[in-house]
Amino acid sequence: MRKNIWIVYVGIVILGVFVFPGKGLAFTPDTDCVIQDFNSQIQLNPDASAKIDETLLVDCGTLPEKHGIFRILPTKVNRGQGIYPYTKIKLLGITNTQNVPYQYETINDRFYHTLTWKIGDPDITIRGLNTYKISYLINNVVIPSDNGNALYLNLNGNFWELPINKYSATVNLPNSITKANTTVQLYSGEFGSVGNKNVQLTWSRDGKNFMVSAANLSPKTGVTVWAEFPAGIVSLFQPSWFSLYGQYLWILLLLAVLWFGGRIWQRFGRDLKFKGPIVVEYDPPKGMSPLETGLLTTYGAIKPTFISATIVDLAVRGYLKIKEISDANWLQQKDWELNLLKSDLSGLKPFEQKLLTGLFGESLSLDATTKISSQKRIGRIIR
């Protein structure tokens, strides 16, 4: 008889577990850390901002290579047409229960519109229970609604890769907002969900705040609150001009660069317009001698033609005279005689002075002469 009773008892237990599972069993850190308890204290302010203090008890069991957690918050929320969607978040602190700051890294993803705090020391692994206290301020959490204004806020967030065994949030309201003039709706699930499974709402006795609670939340499951109250109690967030149009400033900057570049090109880059034929200019650039101009084309290598051009240039400038020497013997090559006309070389460049002293000697007496044919190493004079 006792054996039969025991069999019936075991059958009832199995039936209760598999047929009537109730709210389900809590998650355990078998493959990843588990948030055992997640508590939020939310203070709604009259300027449509909210101060949020979160306390998380995270269990990592004996899992290896665990360094901490990621807290991810959205910086842009779809709130309907014409409603400013961006929210600014200011971190106030990340500590443990003894208020000792945790090491963290801030990642601002402008493409996906998320702000991430990577909490934990990459050189230190954690195990067992760890407590994280995260405090931050977020603006623009109250938006206009059909019947006034509404607090529209995802309380825990949909970015958690970890399950949450127990979640609770206390929302403290400003003066004049009470249970009597406020309608609260709760939603739970992944992005876009409109259900509210396993989410409970409880008002305080004085009706000045309410508490939201949930259990056994799977990863990426969020809890969102919509609390509607009369308009005029909370001042709606007013974005600045830069907040509205700052993202388009790069277009104005690009247009300014193109306009400025066009003006520069019109002034300095366009080809000169001439009437009639264009005369070829053979003169060297202004301020440069023929030798210097030639060195630019040969990367510093001196050619005999550069010396010849320098001698002709000195003759043009009145420092010497070049005379072709005629010879009766037509078999001989032509020769040229150079006559020094000025002995004051102070107006010449050093290499030009060196060339003349090399041709006529250090005395540089007026009417000194020399022949090109006598200068066997004329190319080495100014090296």
Protein backbone atom coordinates (compact mmCIF):
# COMPACT_ATOMS: atom_id res chain seq x y z
CA MET A 1 0.00 0.00 0.00
CA ARG A 2 2.81 2.40 0.93
CA LYS A 3 4.55 1.50 -2.32
CA ASN A 4 1.47 2.46 -4.31
CA ILE A 5 1.18 5.81 -2.46
CA TRP A 6 4.84 6.55 -3.25
CA ILE A 7 4.27 5.86 -6.95
CA VAL A 8 1.24 8.19 -6.99
CA TYR A 9 3.27 10.93 -5.26
CA VAL A 10 6.12 10.69 -7.77
CA GLY A 11 3.62 10.77 -10.63
CA ILE A 12 2.00 13.94 -9.27
CA VAL A 13 5.41 15.64 -8.98
CA ILE A 14 6.35 14.70 -12.57
CA LEU A 15 2.96 15.87 -13.81
CA GLY A 16 3.39 19.17 -11.99
CA VAL A 17 6.81 19.78 -13.45
CA PHE A 18 6.07 18.92 -17.08
CA VAL A 19 2.38 19.71 -17.44
CA PHE A 20 1.99 22.61 -15.00
CA PRO A 21 5.43 24.19 -14.93
CA GLY A 22 4.16 27.43 -13.38
CA LYS A 23 6.61 30.34 -13.69
CA GLY A 24 9.58 28.12 -14.44
CA LEU A 25 12.87 27.51 -12.71
CA ALA A 26 15.51 30.18 -12.18
CA PHE A 27 18.50 30.33 -14.50
CA THR A 28 21.88 29.05 -13.32
CA PRO A 29 25.39 30.00 -14.56
CA ASP A 30 26.00 26.88 -16.63
CA THR A 31 27.16 28.48 -19.90
CA ASP A 32 27.20 32.19 -18.99
CA CYS A 33 26.78 34.52 -16.05
CA VAL A 34 23.28 35.05 -14.66
CA ILE A 35 21.79 38.21 -13.16
CA GLN A 36 20.29 36.88 -9.97
CA ASP A 37 18.76 40.20 -8.92
CA PHE A 38 18.34 43.48 -10.84
CA ASN A 39 16.91 46.46 -8.97
CA SER A 40 16.30 49.94 -10.42
CA GLN A 41 15.50 53.12 -8.54
CA ILE A 42 14.15 55.70 -10.99
CA GLN A 43 13.47 59.33 -10.12
CA LEU A 44 11.46 61.19 -12.77
CA ASN A 45 12.36 64.89 -12.77
CA PRO A 46 10.21 67.88 -13.79
CA ASP A 47 12.57 68.62 -16.71
CA ALA A 48 11.73 65.30 -18.43
CA SER A 49 14.96 63.66 -17.26
CA ALA A 50 15.35 60.64 -15.01
CA LYS A 51 18.04 59.71 -12.52
CA ILE A 52 18.50 55.95 -12.50
CA ASP A 53 20.34 53.89 -9.89
CA GLU A 54 20.75 50.22 -10.79
CA THR A 55 22.02 47.46 -8.51
CA LEU A 56 22.84 44.13 -10.14
CA LEU A 57 23.77 40.89 -8.39
CA VAL A 58 25.58 38.82 -11.03
CA ASP A 59 26.46 35.15 -10.54
CA CYS A 60 29.27 33.77 -12.72
CA GLY A 61 29.61 30.51 -10.81
CA THR A 62 32.89 28.79 -11.64
CA LEU A 63 32.90 29.80 -15.31
CA PRO A 64 36.37 30.66 -16.66
CA GLU A 65 37.48 33.82 -18.47
CA LYS A 66 34.75 36.10 -17.09
CA HIS A 67 35.84 39.71 -16.48
CA GLY A 68 32.59 41.63 -15.96
CA ILE A 69 29.41 42.75 -17.71
CA PHE A 70 28.27 45.03 -20.53
CA ARG A 71 25.59 47.65 -19.84
CA ILE A 72 24.14 48.84 -23.15
CA LEU A 73 21.66 51.72 -23.47
CA PRO A 74 19.98 53.13 -26.59
CA THR A 75 20.71 56.75 -27.52
CA LYS A 76 17.90 56.86 -30.07
CA VAL A 77 14.35 55.56 -29.54
CA ASN A 78 11.54 55.40 -32.08
CA ARG A 79 8.84 57.58 -30.55
CA GLY A 80 6.58 58.42 -33.43
CA GLN A 81 6.63 60.96 -36.20
CA GLY A 82 7.65 64.48 -35.22
CA ILE A 83 8.96 63.55 -31.76
CA TYR A 84 12.66 64.13 -31.10
CA PRO A 85 14.07 60.57 -30.77
CA TYR A 86 17.52 61.10 -29.24
CA THR A 87 18.41 60.78 -25.57
CA LYS A 88 21.56 62.01 -23.89
CA ILE A 89 23.04 59.85 -21.14
CA LYS A 90 25.41 61.06 -18.44
CA LEU A 91 27.21 58.49 -16.30
CA LEU A 92 27.35 59.33 -12.59
CA GLY A 93 29.29 56.31 -11.35
CA ILE A 94 29.94 52.56 -11.48
CA THR A 95 30.92 51.00 -8.15
CA ASN A 96 30.57 47.92 -5.97
CA THR A 97 28.59 47.73 -2.72
CA GLN A 98 31.47 49.46 -0.87
CA ASN A 99 31.32 52.33 -3.39
CA VAL A 100 34.70 51.36 -4.80
CA PRO A 101 34.76 52.36 -8.50
CA TYR A 102 34.96 49.62 -11.11
CA GLN A 103 37.20 49.89 -14.11
CA TYR A 104 35.15 50.44 -17.27
CA GLU A 105 35.38 51.50 -20.90
CA THR A 106 32.82 53.67 -22.70
CA ILE A 107 31.88 52.76 -26.28
CA ASN A 108 29.66 55.19 -28.20
CA ASP A 109 28.30 53.56 -31.35
CA ARG A 110 26.87 56.31 -33.56
CA PHE A 111 25.83 53.86 -36.29
CA TYR A 112 23.65 51.64 -34.08
CA HIS A 113 22.83 54.51 -31.67
CA THR A 114 23.96 52.75 -28.50
CA LEU A 115 26.11 53.64 -25.51
CA THR A 116 28.00 50.76 -23.90
CA TRP A 117 29.85 50.56 -20.60
CA LYS A 118 32.26 47.64 -20.66
CA ILE A 119 32.61 47.03 -16.93
CA GLY A 120 35.51 45.01 -15.50
CA ASP A 121 39.28 44.71 -15.54
CA PRO A 122 40.47 42.81 -18.64
CA ASP A 123 43.39 41.44 -16.61
CA ILE A 124 41.24 40.12 -13.74
CA THR A 125 38.73 37.27 -13.95
CA ILE A 126 35.70 37.00 -11.69
CA ARG A 127 33.73 34.11 -10.22
CA GLY A 128 30.75 33.65 -7.97
CA LEU A 129 28.54 36.58 -6.92
CA ASN A 130 29.51 40.14 -7.90
CA THR A 131 27.52 43.31 -7.28
CA TYR A 132 27.47 46.29 -9.67
CA LYS A 133 25.96 49.68 -8.86
CA ILE A 134 25.40 51.84 -11.95
CA SER A 135 24.11 55.39 -11.66
CA TYR A 136 23.34 57.65 -14.60
CA LEU A 137 21.14 60.51 -15.79
CA ILE A 138 19.09 60.28 -18.98
CA ASN A 139 17.10 63.11 -20.58
CA ASN A 140 14.05 63.20 -22.86
CA VAL A 141 12.12 60.34 -21.22
CA VAL A 142 8.75 62.16 -21.29
CA ILE A 143 6.98 62.69 -24.62
CA PRO A 144 3.61 64.15 -25.67
CA SER A 145 0.67 61.75 -25.81
CA ASP A 146 -2.97 61.83 -26.83
CA ASN A 147 -4.16 62.63 -23.32
CA GLY A 148 -1.25 64.72 -22.02
CA ASN A 149 2.33 63.53 -21.53
CA ALA A 150 3.81 60.10 -20.91
CA LEU A 151 6.88 58.57 -19.36
CA TYR A 152 8.17 56.21 -22.04
CA LEU A 153 11.17 54.22 -20.84
CA ASN A 154 12.67 50.77 -21.26
CA LEU A 155 13.46 49.96 -17.65
CA ASN A 156 16.04 47.20 -17.93
CA GLY A 157 16.96 47.24 -21.66
CA ASN A 158 16.77 44.71 -24.48
CA PHE A 159 20.52 44.33 -24.98
CA TRP A 160 21.26 41.90 -22.17
CA GLU A 161 22.89 38.67 -23.31
CA LEU A 162 22.38 37.37 -19.78
CA PRO A 163 19.15 36.00 -18.26
CA ILE A 164 17.61 37.84 -15.30
CA ASN A 165 16.08 35.77 -12.50
CA LYS A 166 14.47 38.68 -10.65
CA TYR A 167 13.84 42.23 -11.75
CA SER A 168 12.25 45.12 -9.86
CA ALA A 169 12.03 48.85 -10.47
CA THR A 170 10.62 51.63 -8.32
CA VAL A 171 9.51 54.73 -10.26
CA ASN A 172 9.29 57.86 -8.10
CA LEU A 173 7.11 60.57 -9.64
CA PRO A 174 7.28 64.37 -9.32
CA ASN A 175 4.74 66.25 -7.24
CA SER A 176 1.22 66.45 -8.70
CA ILE A 177 1.62 63.11 -10.48
CA THR A 178 -0.17 60.39 -8.56
CA LYS A 179 -2.04 57.16 -9.06
CA ALA A 180 -5.25 59.16 -9.40
CA ASN A 181 -4.20 60.97 -12.59
CA THR A 182 -1.80 58.44 -14.09
CA THR A 183 -2.42 55.45 -16.33
CA VAL A 184 0.37 52.89 -16.48
CA GLN A 185 0.88 50.23 -19.13
CA LEU A 186 3.68 47.65 -19.05
CA TYR A 187 5.24 45.67 -21.89
CA SER A 188 7.78 42.87 -21.84
CA GLY A 189 9.61 40.86 -24.46
CA GLU A 190 12.03 41.49 -27.31
CA PHE A 191 11.97 44.63 -29.47
CA GLY A 192 8.48 45.30 -30.80
CA SER A 193 6.64 43.10 -28.32
CA VAL A 194 3.31 44.38 -26.97
CA GLY A 195 2.64 41.69 -24.35
CA ASN A 196 3.25 41.96 -20.62
CA LYS A 197 3.83 38.37 -19.58
CA ASN A 198 5.08 37.85 -16.00
CA VAL A 199 5.22 41.61 -15.28
CA GLN A 200 3.51 43.00 -12.18
CA LEU A 201 2.55 46.59 -11.27
CA THR A 202 2.13 47.73 -7.67
CA TRP A 203 1.36 51.27 -6.47
CA SER A 204 2.53 52.62 -3.12
CA ARG A 205 -0.08 53.45 -0.50
CA ASP A 206 0.29 57.20 -0.97
CA GLY A 207 0.10 56.79 -4.78
CA LYS A 208 3.29 58.79 -5.39
CA ASN A 209 5.34 55.96 -6.88
CA PHE A 210 4.84 52.52 -8.35
CA MET A 211 6.90 49.36 -8.55
CA VAL A 212 7.37 47.06 -11.54
CA SER A 213 8.50 43.48 -10.99
CA ALA A 214 9.25 40.52 -13.26
CA ALA A 215 10.87 37.11 -12.96
CA ASN A 216 12.87 34.75 -15.16
CA LEU A 217 13.56 37.13 -18.04
CA SER A 218 15.37 35.49 -20.93
CA PRO A 219 18.28 37.26 -22.68
CA LYS A 220 17.25 40.30 -24.76
CA THR A 221 13.94 40.53 -22.90
CA GLY A 222 13.09 44.08 -21.87
CA VAL A 223 10.47 45.66 -19.62
CA THR A 224 9.02 48.96 -20.86
CA VAL A 225 6.76 51.38 -19.02
CA TRP A 226 4.23 53.82 -20.51
CA ALA A 227 2.90 56.08 -17.75
CA GLU A 228 0.50 58.74 -19.02
CA PHE A 229 -0.35 61.80 -16.91
CA PRO A 230 -1.74 65.34 -17.46
CA ALA A 231 0.27 67.82 -19.50
CA GLY A 232 1.90 70.85 -17.90
CA ILE A 233 3.39 69.06 -14.89
CA VAL A 234 6.63 68.05 -16.62
CA SER A 235 8.42 70.36 -19.06
CA LEU A 236 9.10 68.49 -22.27
CA PHE A 237 12.69 68.29 -23.44
CA GLN A 238 13.63 71.02 -25.93
CA PRO A 239 16.54 70.01 -28.16
CA SER A 240 19.08 72.66 -29.10
CA TRP A 241 19.67 73.83 -32.67
CA PHE A 242 22.90 71.84 -32.75
CA SER A 243 21.08 68.71 -31.56
CA LEU A 244 18.55 69.04 -34.38
CA TYR A 245 20.85 70.01 -37.23
CA GLY A 246 24.38 69.26 -36.06
CA GLN A 247 24.42 65.97 -37.93
CA TYR A 248 24.12 67.91 -41.20
CA LEU A 249 27.01 70.31 -40.55
CA TRP A 250 29.38 68.11 -42.52
CA ILE A 251 27.35 68.93 -45.65
CA LEU A 252 27.79 72.67 -45.02
CA LEU A 253 31.48 72.11 -44.38
CA LEU A 254 31.82 70.21 -47.65
CA LEU A 255 30.03 72.97 -49.57
CA ALA A 256 32.28 75.59 -47.96
CA VAL A 257 35.41 73.66 -48.94
CA LEU A 258 34.17 73.28 -52.53
CA TRP A 259 33.30 77.00 -52.74
CA PHE A 260 36.66 78.07 -51.30
CA GLY A 261 38.53 75.66 -53.58
CA GLY A 262 36.65 77.01 -56.59
CA ARG A 263 37.57 80.57 -55.69
CA ILE A 264 41.24 79.63 -55.35
CA TRP A 265 41.17 77.84 -58.70
CA GLN A 266 39.54 80.78 -60.43
CA ARG A 267 42.18 83.12 -59.07
CA PHE A 268 45.34 81.06 -59.40
CA GLY A 269 44.56 77.87 -61.30
CA ARG A 270 42.86 79.01 -64.48
CA ASP A 271 44.94 79.43 -67.64
CA LEU A 272 45.65 83.00 -68.66
CA LYS A 273 43.60 84.30 -71.56
CA PHE A 274 45.55 85.86 -74.44
CA LYS A 275 44.43 87.65 -77.55
CA GLY A 276 46.42 86.56 -80.56
CA PRO A 277 49.33 84.10 -80.68
CA ILE A 278 51.01 82.96 -77.47
CA VAL A 279 54.70 83.93 -77.33
CA VAL A 280 57.01 81.28 -75.90
CA GLU A 281 58.97 82.54 -72.89
CA TYR A 282 62.56 81.34 -72.65
CA ASP A 283 63.62 83.37 -69.63
CA PRO A 284 64.33 81.50 -66.39
CA PRO A 285 61.97 81.95 -63.46
CA LYS A 286 62.17 85.31 -61.77
CA GLY A 287 65.10 85.55 -59.36
CA MET A 288 66.85 82.40 -60.65
CA SER A 289 69.94 82.26 -62.83
CA PRO A 290 70.26 79.92 -65.83
CA LEU A 291 72.58 77.68 -63.80
CA GLU A 292 70.10 77.35 -60.92
CA THR A 293 67.27 76.65 -63.33
CA GLY A 294 69.32 73.95 -65.02
CA LEU A 295 70.17 72.29 -61.72
CA LEU A 296 66.44 71.92 -61.03
CA THR A 297 66.03 69.86 -64.18
CA THR A 298 69.01 67.58 -63.46
CA TYR A 299 68.52 67.22 -59.69
CA GLY A 300 71.80 69.04 -58.94
CA ALA A 301 74.05 67.69 -61.71
CA ILE A 302 76.08 70.38 -63.56
CA LYS A 303 76.25 70.23 -67.35
CA PRO A 304 78.58 72.26 -69.62
CA THR A 305 75.58 73.96 -71.17
CA PHE A 306 74.73 75.45 -67.76
CA ILE A 307 78.21 77.10 -67.64
CA SER A 308 77.79 78.40 -71.18
CA ALA A 309 74.37 79.84 -70.34
CA THR A 310 75.82 81.54 -67.24
CA ILE A 311 78.61 83.16 -69.30
CA VAL A 312 76.06 84.45 -71.82
CA ASP A 313 73.87 85.73 -68.95
CA LEU A 314 76.86 87.62 -67.44
CA ALA A 315 77.54 89.16 -70.84
CA VAL A 316 73.92 90.28 -71.13
CA ARG A 317 74.21 91.89 -67.67
CA GLY A 318 77.37 93.81 -68.72
CA TYR A 319 80.07 91.98 -66.77
CA LEU A 320 81.95 90.69 -69.79
CA LYS A 321 82.07 90.81 -73.54
CA ILE A 322 82.05 87.77 -75.84
CA LYS A 323 83.83 88.00 -79.16
CA GLU A 324 84.02 85.28 -81.78
CA ILE A 325 87.58 84.75 -83.06
CA SER A 326 87.87 84.21 -86.79
CA ASP A 327 90.74 82.07 -88.04
CA ALA A 328 92.03 81.66 -91.56
CA ASN A 329 92.44 77.97 -91.04
CA TRP A 330 88.96 76.62 -91.60
CA LEU A 331 90.00 73.25 -90.19
CA GLN A 332 90.24 74.66 -86.66
CA GLN A 333 87.18 74.84 -84.40
CA LYS A 334 85.64 78.20 -83.60
CA ASP A 335 86.85 79.99 -80.49
CA TRP A 336 85.57 82.85 -78.36
CA GLU A 337 87.38 85.58 -76.49
CA LEU A 338 86.02 86.87 -73.22
CA ASN A 339 86.78 90.44 -72.06
CA LEU A 340 86.10 91.47 -68.44
CA LEU A 341 84.15 94.74 -68.28
CA LYS A 342 83.48 95.06 -64.50
CA SER A 343 85.74 94.31 -61.56
CA ASP A 344 83.09 94.94 -58.86
CA LEU A 345 81.37 91.60 -58.36
CA SER A 346 79.39 92.47 -55.20
CA GLY A 347 76.09 92.27 -57.09
CA LEU A 348 76.70 88.69 -58.23
CA LYS A 349 75.90 85.39 -56.59
CA PRO A 350 78.81 83.44 -55.06
CA PHE A 351 78.99 80.86 -57.85
CA GLU A 352 78.99 83.66 -60.49
CA GLN A 353 81.87 85.40 -58.69
CA LYS A 354 83.71 82.08 -58.55
CA LEU A 355 83.20 81.57 -62.27
CA LEU A 356 84.67 85.00 -63.17
CA THR A 357 87.66 84.63 -60.85
CA GLY A 358 88.24 81.22 -62.33
CA LEU A 359 88.19 82.66 -65.86
CA PHE A 360 90.18 85.88 -65.33
CA GLY A 361 92.15 85.26 -62.13
CA GLU A 362 91.84 86.63 -58.62
CA SER A 363 93.04 90.13 -59.61
CA LEU A 364 90.08 90.72 -61.93
CA SER A 365 91.79 93.60 -63.71
CA LEU A 366 89.64 95.48 -66.17
CA ASP A 367 90.01 94.56 -69.84
CA ALA A 368 91.42 91.16 -68.83
CA THR A 369 90.90 88.61 -71.58
CA THR A 370 90.74 84.86 -71.90
CA LYS A 371 89.76 82.35 -74.49
CA ILE A 372 87.25 79.57 -74.13
CA SER A 373 89.69 77.14 -75.71
CA SER A 374 92.19 77.86 -72.91
CA GLN A 375 89.72 76.83 -70.24
CA LYS A 376 90.18 73.07 -70.38
CA ARG A 377 88.33 72.44 -67.12
CA ILE A 378 85.81 75.20 -67.18
CA GLY A 379 83.12 72.83 -65.88
CA ARG A 380 84.99 72.30 -62.61
CA ILE A 381 85.46 75.96 -61.75
CA ILE A 382 82.24 76.27 -59.75
CA ARG A 383 81.90 72.75 -58.45
